[in-house]
Structure formats: structure tokens, C-alpha cells
Amino acid sequence: MNWAVKKSVTAVAVPPAKPGPAALIKGGSNLRTCNGLREFVDVLGDAAGARVLDLGTAWQSTISFLVDRGCRVSAEDLLRGWKDFLGAEEEHERTTAAAENGEKVSSAALMEKFLQSALQYPERSFHGILAWDTLDYFDAESVSVLMERLFHLLHPGGALLALFHSRSAEGFHRYRIMDSQTVELLPAPTLVVHAHVFRNREILDLFGRFRSSKTFVGRDQIREALFLR
């Protein structure tokens, strides 16, 4: 597969698949052409028995799509886990001397503590990670710690697919795969508030240890980014 070196990559506006725009509404469903997903599937095709980690909800359509292609699928709802963790931490602070003294734990320290129980897989466990727009819901300090863990979970040559909003998300959505270039965005109750809008340079810095990348910008101004370890 032809991968551009990261420093030379520029965002590419990709024409949507027929019959309409990159994001369209049909019968209450929000279907979005996802060119990054198509590239992600191509990478998995190069690895026999590829293992995939989905950081969102475990939808049957997503699992079936990947299993039909010979993949083994794991799912961990990272944002739900993060919300539960923060709730427990807030409750703990209310009953500790640290709260009384006004001491504040850094975002990075919170993420390190969270990862003591989350994403507990051996290094190089996965050939692909579906991050969706998860990274947008962490601040810059905590997301750097999270990315370090995700990098080590990927097998060399593996790919991570992420979506980035160009402005604060108007609503909270879950994502499920419909086919090799289409995902459905499902409105859901907000678990955590959209925390950060990543600029191009921030995204490249965040994925600085990855060796190559491709980006696509849809008409809805959501940037799809595929990074290859």
C-alpha cells in the first residue's frame, strides 16, 4: 500500500460516494461516507487473523463486518469507562483530606490512574484500533498519556482510525460500521463533554511516533485520520 510520509501529507477533500453528500440523513439514520475506514480495512487485509480493538460501543453490525473479513474483535467503551472513573474519583475527593486542602490532581495523573484498570492488553495486541472521535473528549494533557498506551497496543504496521471535529461537537454520537466505506452516527446521551478541537499540527504532534498517515476531510468538516505504526 502506498503511504505518504507524515510530514508531506496534506488534508485531501475526497468526493463522496453516490448518491449524495458525505453525510446524509435517511429514515432517521445518519449515514456517513468514511474514506478512512476503507483504507483501514485495506491495512487489515494485509494481516492474517488481524485483531481489532473498537473503543466505542460493541455493535453487532461492526463485529459482523470485521469477523466476516477474518478479524478477531475486542471492544472497550473507553468514554463510558472514563465517565465512571471520574465519578468515582469525585466521590473519593469529597471524603479525603486532599479535597479539604484544595489539592488538584493533574489530568495526566488522572489518566495514568485510569489506565491502571483500562485498556489492559499486552503490547502489540492489535493490528487495528477504531478510535472514532474518542480523542476529542480528552484534554491535551490527558490525551498524550492515552496515546502512549494506544501506540504500544498496536502491532508494528498496524493502523489507528480517528475522527476529529473542526469545532465542538453539536451532539454526542456512537459509530457503527455499515459497509467498507459507510458508518452510521447514532445520537446518544452525552457521557462526557467535548473537550478539545485539535488543529492539524496538534494532531501530527499527538501521533508523532507513528510512521505515516492519511487524512480526509468530509463536507461535514469532520477530519478522518488514519495513522500507521
Protein backbone atom coordinates (compact mmCIF):
# COMPACT_ATOMS: atom_id res chain seq x y z
CA MET A 1 0.00 0.00 0.00
CA ASN A 2 1.28 3.47 -0.88
CA TRP A 3 1.59 5.51 2.29
CA ALA A 4 2.68 9.13 2.27
CA VAL A 5 5.32 10.13 4.76
CA LYS A 6 3.60 12.06 7.52
CA LYS A 7 5.46 15.34 7.04
CA SER A 8 4.38 15.56 3.43
CA VAL A 9 0.73 14.72 3.99
CA THR A 10 -1.90 17.35 3.35
CA ALA A 11 -5.61 17.09 4.01
CA VAL A 12 -7.46 15.85 0.95
CA ALA A 13 -11.10 16.57 0.20
CA VAL A 14 -12.48 13.29 -1.12
CA PRO A 15 -15.58 13.18 -3.32
CA PRO A 16 -18.44 11.36 -1.58
CA ALA A 17 -19.86 8.11 -2.83
CA LYS A 18 -23.08 8.38 -4.78
CA PRO A 19 -25.87 9.22 -4.35
CA GLY A 20 -25.24 12.24 -2.20
CA PRO A 21 -23.11 14.23 0.24
CA ALA A 22 -20.64 12.83 2.70
CA ALA A 23 -23.17 12.99 5.48
CA LEU A 24 -26.81 12.26 4.69
CA ILE A 25 -29.96 11.57 6.62
CA LYS A 26 -32.12 8.62 5.69
CA GLY A 27 -35.12 7.48 7.67
CA GLY A 28 -33.73 8.91 10.90
CA SER A 29 -30.30 7.31 10.37
CA ASN A 30 -27.19 9.39 9.89
CA LEU A 31 -25.00 7.64 7.34
CA ARG A 32 -21.56 8.97 6.57
CA THR A 33 -19.13 8.00 3.85
CA CYS A 34 -15.86 7.18 5.63
CA ASN A 35 -12.90 7.01 3.30
CA GLY A 36 -10.55 6.42 6.21
CA LEU A 37 -12.46 3.24 7.04
CA ARG A 38 -11.86 1.92 3.54
CA GLU A 39 -8.11 2.45 3.99
CA PHE A 40 -8.28 0.90 7.48
CA VAL A 41 -9.87 -2.25 6.04
CA ASP A 42 -7.12 -2.42 3.39
CA VAL A 43 -4.47 -2.44 6.11
CA LEU A 44 -6.24 -5.25 7.96
CA GLY A 45 -6.33 -7.25 4.75
CA ASP A 46 -2.55 -7.49 4.91
CA ALA A 47 -2.61 -9.30 8.29
CA ALA A 48 -3.96 -12.84 8.60
CA GLY A 49 -6.26 -13.18 11.62
CA ALA A 50 -6.00 -9.47 12.38
CA ARG A 51 -7.11 -8.35 15.83
CA VAL A 52 -9.14 -5.13 16.09
CA LEU A 53 -9.95 -3.01 19.14
CA ASP A 54 -13.11 -0.87 19.00
CA LEU A 55 -13.04 1.95 21.57
CA GLY A 56 -16.78 2.56 21.28
CA THR A 57 -19.96 0.56 21.70
CA ALA A 58 -19.85 -3.08 20.58
CA TRP A 59 -22.40 -3.03 17.75
CA GLN A 60 -23.31 -6.33 16.10
CA SER A 61 -23.04 -4.80 12.63
CA THR A 62 -19.45 -3.70 13.31
CA ILE A 63 -18.49 -7.07 14.77
CA SER A 64 -20.08 -8.98 11.90
CA PHE A 65 -18.40 -6.78 9.30
CA LEU A 66 -14.96 -7.39 10.79
CA VAL A 67 -15.45 -11.07 11.61
CA ASP A 68 -16.58 -11.71 8.03
CA ARG A 69 -13.15 -10.44 7.00
CA GLY A 70 -11.35 -12.87 9.27
CA CYS A 71 -10.72 -10.43 12.12
CA ARG A 72 -10.95 -11.03 15.84
CA VAL A 73 -12.69 -8.15 17.60
CA SER A 74 -12.38 -6.70 21.11
CA ALA A 75 -14.46 -3.74 22.30
CA GLU A 76 -13.89 -1.42 25.22
CA ASP A 77 -16.20 1.55 25.68
CA LEU A 78 -13.47 3.98 26.68
CA LEU A 79 -15.63 7.06 27.24
CA ARG A 80 -18.12 5.20 29.42
CA GLY A 81 -15.24 3.81 31.45
CA TRP A 82 -13.74 7.31 31.75
CA LYS A 83 -17.04 8.78 32.92
CA ASP A 84 -17.44 6.09 35.59
CA PHE A 85 -13.85 6.59 36.69
CA LEU A 86 -14.24 10.37 37.04
CA GLY A 87 -17.44 9.90 39.03
CA ALA A 88 -15.66 7.57 41.44
CA GLU A 89 -12.74 9.99 41.74
CA GLU A 90 -15.04 12.92 42.53
CA GLU A 91 -16.77 10.89 45.21
CA HIS A 92 -13.39 9.92 46.66
CA GLU A 93 -12.21 13.53 46.73
CA ARG A 94 -15.24 14.58 48.74
CA THR A 95 -14.14 12.30 51.55
CA THR A 96 -10.38 12.89 51.57
CA ALA A 97 -8.07 15.47 53.09
CA ALA A 98 -6.83 16.34 49.60
CA ALA A 99 -10.21 17.84 48.78
CA GLU A 100 -10.23 19.82 52.03
CA ASN A 101 -6.77 21.20 51.28
CA GLY A 102 -7.80 22.20 47.77
CA GLU A 103 -5.21 19.98 46.11
CA LYS A 104 -5.97 19.25 42.46
CA VAL A 105 -4.78 16.17 40.61
CA SER A 106 -3.44 16.84 37.11
CA SER A 107 -5.23 15.49 34.05
CA ALA A 108 -2.19 13.40 33.17
CA ALA A 109 -2.12 11.82 36.65
CA LEU A 110 -5.83 11.04 36.39
CA MET A 111 -5.31 9.34 33.03
CA GLU A 112 -2.39 7.31 34.38
CA LYS A 113 -4.59 6.13 37.24
CA PHE A 114 -7.44 5.33 34.85
CA LEU A 115 -5.12 3.23 32.69
CA GLN A 116 -4.24 1.07 35.67
CA SER A 117 -7.56 -0.69 35.04
CA ALA A 118 -8.48 0.36 31.47
CA LEU A 119 -7.01 -0.93 28.19
CA GLN A 120 -5.33 -3.82 29.95
CA TYR A 121 -3.97 -5.74 26.97
CA PRO A 122 -0.44 -6.94 26.21
CA GLU A 123 1.71 -4.75 24.00
CA ARG A 124 1.25 -5.24 20.24
CA SER A 125 -2.10 -6.95 20.78
CA PHE A 126 -3.93 -5.31 17.86
CA HIS A 127 -3.46 -4.77 14.14
CA GLY A 128 -6.16 -2.08 14.12
CA ILE A 129 -7.79 0.35 16.58
CA LEU A 130 -11.08 2.12 15.87
CA ALA A 131 -10.84 5.27 17.99
CA TRP A 132 -13.71 7.12 16.24
CA ASP A 133 -13.94 10.64 17.79
CA THR A 134 -12.92 9.46 21.27
CA LEU A 135 -9.76 11.58 21.44
CA ASP A 136 -11.79 14.80 21.11
CA TYR A 137 -13.25 14.13 24.55
CA PHE A 138 -9.93 14.34 26.42
CA ASP A 139 -7.88 17.44 27.09
CA ALA A 140 -4.41 17.86 25.61
CA GLU A 141 -2.63 16.75 28.79
CA SER A 142 -4.53 13.51 29.35
CA VAL A 143 -4.77 12.52 25.68
CA SER A 144 -0.97 12.41 25.39
CA VAL A 145 -0.85 9.76 28.12
CA LEU A 146 -3.68 7.85 26.44
CA MET A 147 -1.92 7.92 23.06
CA GLU A 148 1.20 6.42 24.58
CA ARG A 149 -0.85 3.39 25.66
CA LEU A 150 -2.63 3.07 22.31
CA PHE A 151 0.68 3.23 20.44
CA HIS A 152 2.06 0.30 22.42
CA LEU A 153 -1.13 -1.73 21.92
CA LEU A 154 -0.68 -1.60 18.14
CA HIS A 155 1.36 -4.18 16.29
CA PRO A 156 4.06 -2.65 14.02
CA GLY A 157 2.36 -1.95 10.71
CA GLY A 158 -1.00 -1.67 12.45
CA ALA A 159 -3.42 1.22 11.91
CA LEU A 160 -5.46 3.55 14.10
CA LEU A 161 -8.51 5.33 12.67
CA ALA A 162 -9.63 8.53 14.41
CA LEU A 163 -12.14 11.27 13.64
CA PHE A 164 -11.62 14.91 14.66
CA HIS A 165 -14.26 17.65 14.78
CA SER A 166 -13.34 21.06 13.38
CA ARG A 167 -15.47 22.67 16.12
CA SER A 168 -17.09 21.49 19.34
CA ALA A 169 -19.39 18.59 18.60
CA GLU A 170 -23.05 19.61 18.48
CA GLY A 171 -24.15 16.28 19.91
CA PHE A 172 -22.78 13.02 21.24
CA HIS A 173 -22.77 10.11 18.80
CA ARG A 174 -21.85 6.47 18.64
CA TYR A 175 -20.44 4.92 15.48
CA ARG A 176 -21.10 1.60 13.83
CA ILE A 177 -19.87 0.16 10.56
CA MET A 178 -22.44 -0.49 7.85
CA ASP A 179 -20.09 -1.43 5.00
CA SER A 180 -16.47 -0.89 3.95
CA GLN A 181 -16.93 2.86 3.42
CA THR A 182 -20.05 3.76 5.42
CA VAL A 183 -20.58 4.36 9.13
CA GLU A 184 -23.79 5.24 10.93
CA LEU A 185 -23.74 8.00 13.53
CA LEU A 186 -26.22 7.20 16.30
CA PRO A 187 -27.25 10.03 18.66
CA ALA A 188 -26.74 9.01 22.28
CA PRO A 189 -26.93 10.55 25.76
CA THR A 190 -23.79 12.59 26.43
CA LEU A 191 -21.26 10.66 28.50
CA VAL A 192 -18.58 13.36 28.65
CA VAL A 193 -18.34 16.86 27.23
CA HIS A 194 -16.37 17.55 24.06
CA ALA A 195 -13.05 18.76 25.44
CA HIS A 196 -10.73 19.84 22.64
CA VAL A 197 -10.67 20.85 18.97
CA PHE A 198 -7.40 19.56 17.52
CA ARG A 199 -5.61 21.62 14.89
CA ASN A 200 -3.52 19.99 12.16
CA ARG A 201 -0.21 20.50 13.94
CA GLU A 202 -1.59 19.17 17.22
CA ILE A 203 -2.79 16.00 15.51
CA LEU A 204 0.58 15.40 13.88
CA ASP A 205 2.36 16.03 17.18
CA LEU A 206 -0.01 13.68 19.00
CA PHE A 207 0.79 10.91 16.54
CA GLY A 208 4.46 11.82 16.26
CA ARG A 209 5.64 8.26 16.89
CA PHE A 210 3.57 6.85 14.04
CA ARG A 211 5.44 6.50 10.78
CA SER A 212 2.81 7.55 8.23
CA SER A 213 -0.68 8.98 7.91
CA LYS A 214 -3.52 9.78 5.57
CA THR A 215 -6.23 12.34 6.19
CA PHE A 216 -9.58 13.04 4.58
CA VAL A 217 -11.91 15.97 5.18
CA GLY A 218 -15.63 15.46 4.56
CA ARG A 219 -18.19 18.08 3.71
CA ASP A 220 -19.34 18.00 7.32
CA GLN A 221 -15.83 19.20 8.28
CA ILE A 222 -15.01 16.07 10.25
CA ARG A 223 -11.42 15.09 9.56
CA GLU A 224 -10.72 11.37 9.26
CA ALA A 225 -7.16 10.42 10.08
CA LEU A 226 -5.56 7.03 9.58
CA PHE A 227 -2.19 6.50 11.24
CA LEU A 228 0.13 3.58 10.59
CA ARG A 229 2.56 2.46 13.26
